[in-house]
C-alpha atoms as a PDB file:
ATOM      1  CA  MET A   1      -0.199  -0.122   0.205  1.00  0.00           C
ATOM      2  CA  LYS A   2       1.166   3.491  -0.549  1.00  0.00           C
ATOM      3  CA  GLN A   3       1.880   5.672   1.942  1.00  0.00           C
ATOM      4  CA  GLU A   4      -0.797   8.246   0.881  1.00  0.00           C
ATOM      5  CA  ILE A   5      -3.416   5.546   0.879  1.00  0.00           C
ATOM      6  CA  ALA A   6      -2.438   4.581   3.839  1.00  0.00           C
ATOM      7  CA  GLU A   7      -2.545   8.140   5.227  1.00  0.00           C
ATOM      8  CA  THR A   8      -5.898   8.504   4.127  1.00  0.00           C
ATOM      9  CA  ARG A   9      -7.044   5.557   5.461  1.00  0.00           C
ATOM     10  CA  ALA A  10      -5.572   6.274   8.965  1.00  0.00           C
ATOM     11  CA  LEU A  11      -7.321   9.702   9.102  1.00  0.00           C
ATOM     12  CA  GLN A  12     -10.631   7.232   8.773  1.00  0.00           C
ATOM     13  CA  VAL A  13      -9.267   5.120  11.831  1.00  0.00           C
ATOM     14  CA  LEU A  14      -8.493   8.715  13.410  1.00  0.00           C
ATOM     15  CA  GLY A  15     -12.411   9.663  12.786  1.00  0.00           C
ATOM     16  CA  TRP A  16     -13.311   6.152  14.054  1.00  0.00           C
ATOM     17  CA  LEU A  17     -11.357   6.338  17.750  1.00  0.00           C
ATOM     18  CA  ALA A  18     -12.291  10.355  17.418  1.00  0.00           C
ATOM     19  CA  GLY A  19     -15.759   8.677  17.901  1.00  0.00           C
ATOM     20  CA  LYS A  20     -15.350   6.451  20.302  1.00  0.00           C
ATOM     21  CA  ASP A  21     -16.521   8.121  23.758  1.00  0.00           C
ATOM     22  CA  ASP A  22     -15.033   5.313  25.721  1.00  0.00           C
ATOM     23  CA  LEU A  23     -11.978   4.668  23.817  1.00  0.00           C
ATOM     24  CA  LEU A  24     -10.630   8.114  22.841  1.00  0.00           C
ATOM     25  CA  PRO A  25      -9.600   9.323  26.552  1.00  0.00           C
ATOM     26  CA  VAL A  26      -7.610   6.042  26.791  1.00  0.00           C
ATOM     27  CA  PHE A  27      -5.646   7.078  23.765  1.00  0.00           C
ATOM     28  CA  MET A  28      -5.156  10.744  25.043  1.00  0.00           C
ATOM     29  CA  GLY A  29      -4.290   9.042  28.187  1.00  0.00           C
ATOM     30  CA  ALA A  30      -1.413   7.061  27.031  1.00  0.00           C
ATOM     31  CA  THR A  31      -0.225   9.294  24.390  1.00  0.00           C
ATOM     32  CA  GLY A  32      -0.018  12.218  26.056  1.00  0.00           C
ATOM     33  CA  VAL A  33      -2.052  14.191  23.319  1.00  0.00           C
ATOM     34  CA  ALA A  34      -4.536  17.273  23.924  1.00  0.00           C
ATOM     35  CA  GLU A  35      -7.836  17.659  21.973  1.00  0.00           C
ATOM     36  CA  ALA A  36      -6.235  20.440  19.836  1.00  0.00           C
ATOM     37  CA  ASP A  37      -3.208  18.004  19.276  1.00  0.00           C
ATOM     38  CA  LEU A  38      -5.688  15.700  17.490  1.00  0.00           C
ATOM     39  CA  ARG A  39      -6.231  18.163  15.069  1.00  0.00           C
ATOM     40  CA  ARG A  40      -3.288  19.923  14.828  1.00  0.00           C
ATOM     41  CA  ARG A  41      -1.316  16.533  14.288  1.00  0.00           C
ATOM     42  CA  ALA A  42      -3.722  14.365  12.240  1.00  0.00           C
ATOM     43  CA  ALA A  43      -1.660  15.094   9.224  1.00  0.00           C
ATOM     44  CA  GLU A  44       1.393  14.172  10.353  1.00  0.00           C
ATOM     45  CA  PRO A  45       2.292  10.351   9.436  1.00  0.00           C
ATOM     46  CA  GLU A  46       4.151   9.601  12.317  1.00  0.00           C
ATOM     47  CA  PHE A  47       1.194  10.642  14.634  1.00  0.00           C
ATOM     48  CA  LEU A  48      -1.196   8.502  12.586  1.00  0.00           C
ATOM     49  CA  ALA A  49       1.005   5.619  13.199  1.00  0.00           C
ATOM     50  CA  SER A  50       0.831   5.931  17.018  1.00  0.00           C
ATOM     51  CA  VAL A  51      -2.939   6.114  16.085  1.00  0.00           C
ATOM     52  CA  LEU A  52      -2.306   2.637  14.142  1.00  0.00           C
ATOM     53  CA  ASP A  53      -0.359   1.132  17.091  1.00  0.00           C
ATOM     54  CA  PHE A  54      -2.753   2.134  19.859  1.00  0.00           C
ATOM     55  CA  VAL A  55      -5.812   0.060  17.781  1.00  0.00           C
ATOM     56  CA  LEU A  56      -3.884  -2.871  16.949  1.00  0.00           C
ATOM     57  CA  MET A  57      -3.542  -3.265  20.861  1.00  0.00           C
ATOM     58  CA  ASP A  58      -6.756  -5.084  21.409  1.00  0.00           C
ATOM     59  CA  ASP A  59      -8.223  -7.520  18.722  1.00  0.00           C
ATOM     60  CA  ALA A  60     -11.732  -5.785  19.639  1.00  0.00           C
ATOM     61  CA  TRP A  61     -10.593  -2.756  18.458  1.00  0.00           C
ATOM     62  CA  VAL A  62      -9.213  -3.942  15.027  1.00  0.00           C
ATOM     63  CA  ILE A  63     -12.120  -5.548  14.548  1.00  0.00           C
ATOM     64  CA  GLY A  64     -14.630  -2.746  15.414  1.00  0.00           C
ATOM     65  CA  CYS A  65     -12.643  -0.195  13.695  1.00  0.00           C
ATOM     66  CA  ALA A  66     -12.535  -2.875  10.541  1.00  0.00           C
ATOM     67  CA  ASP A  67     -16.017  -3.345  10.964  1.00  0.00           C
ATOM     68  CA  ALA A  68     -17.057   0.430  11.177  1.00  0.00           C
ATOM     69  CA  GLN A  69     -14.782   1.196   7.526  1.00  0.00           C
ATOM     70  CA  GLY A  70     -16.112  -2.112   5.832  1.00  0.00           C
ATOM     71  CA  TRP A  71     -12.568  -3.137   5.442  1.00  0.00           C
ATOM     72  CA  PRO A  72     -11.290  -6.828   6.426  1.00  0.00           C
ATOM     73  CA  PRO A  73      -9.622  -6.691   9.770  1.00  0.00           C
ATOM     74  CA  THR A  74      -6.117  -7.504   7.976  1.00  0.00           C
ATOM     75  CA  ASP A  75      -6.226  -3.932   6.291  1.00  0.00           C
ATOM     76  CA  ILE A  76      -5.493  -2.232   9.903  1.00  0.00           C
ATOM     77  CA  VAL A  77      -2.353  -3.619   9.697  1.00  0.00           C
ATOM     78  CA  THR A  78      -0.808  -2.813   6.531  1.00  0.00           C
ATOM     79  CA  ILE A  79      -2.180   0.190   6.903  1.00  0.00           C
ATOM     80  CA  ARG A  80       0.288   0.474  10.012  1.00  0.00           C
ATOM     81  CA  ALA A  81       3.223  -1.243   7.679  1.00  0.00           C
ATOM     82  CA  ALA A  82       2.933   1.279   4.986  1.00  0.00           C
ATOM     83  CA  LEU A  83       3.199   4.223   7.527  1.00  0.00           C
ATOM     84  CA  PRO A  84       7.000   5.474   9.153  1.00  0.00           C
ATOM     85  CA  GLY A  85       8.723   2.963  11.254  1.00  0.00           C
ATOM     86  CA  GLY A  86       5.909  -0.115  10.152  1.00  0.00           C
ATOM     87  CA  GLN A  87       8.546  -2.161   7.966  1.00  0.00           C
ATOM     88  CA  VAL A  88       9.088  -5.924   9.169  1.00  0.00           C
ATOM     89  CA  PRO A  89      12.531  -5.871   9.868  1.00  0.00           C
ATOM     90  CA  SER A  90      14.436  -8.773   8.018  1.00  0.00           C
ATOM     91  CA  TRP A  91      16.571 -11.503  10.289  1.00  0.00           C
ATOM     92  CA  THR A  92      17.926 -12.644   7.262  1.00  0.00           C
END
């Protein structure tokens, strides 16, 4: 997946997260971001990567987000891999 497409989809994940009144405060507390930071940093690929990293911490979140977008859950991993820091290390 190209990074531009991943960023667009990651924004959709951020939108899903922002709509979760029970989950958004957990993300904000874990990352230390304020509400103003969400808007200001939404265009930063590194910030979007942190959103995906957070969602990927719980299978229920992955499934809920993917279902809301009409994606297979594996798309969340694919999106994350296309953002900065998402490369799988090669051990060979």
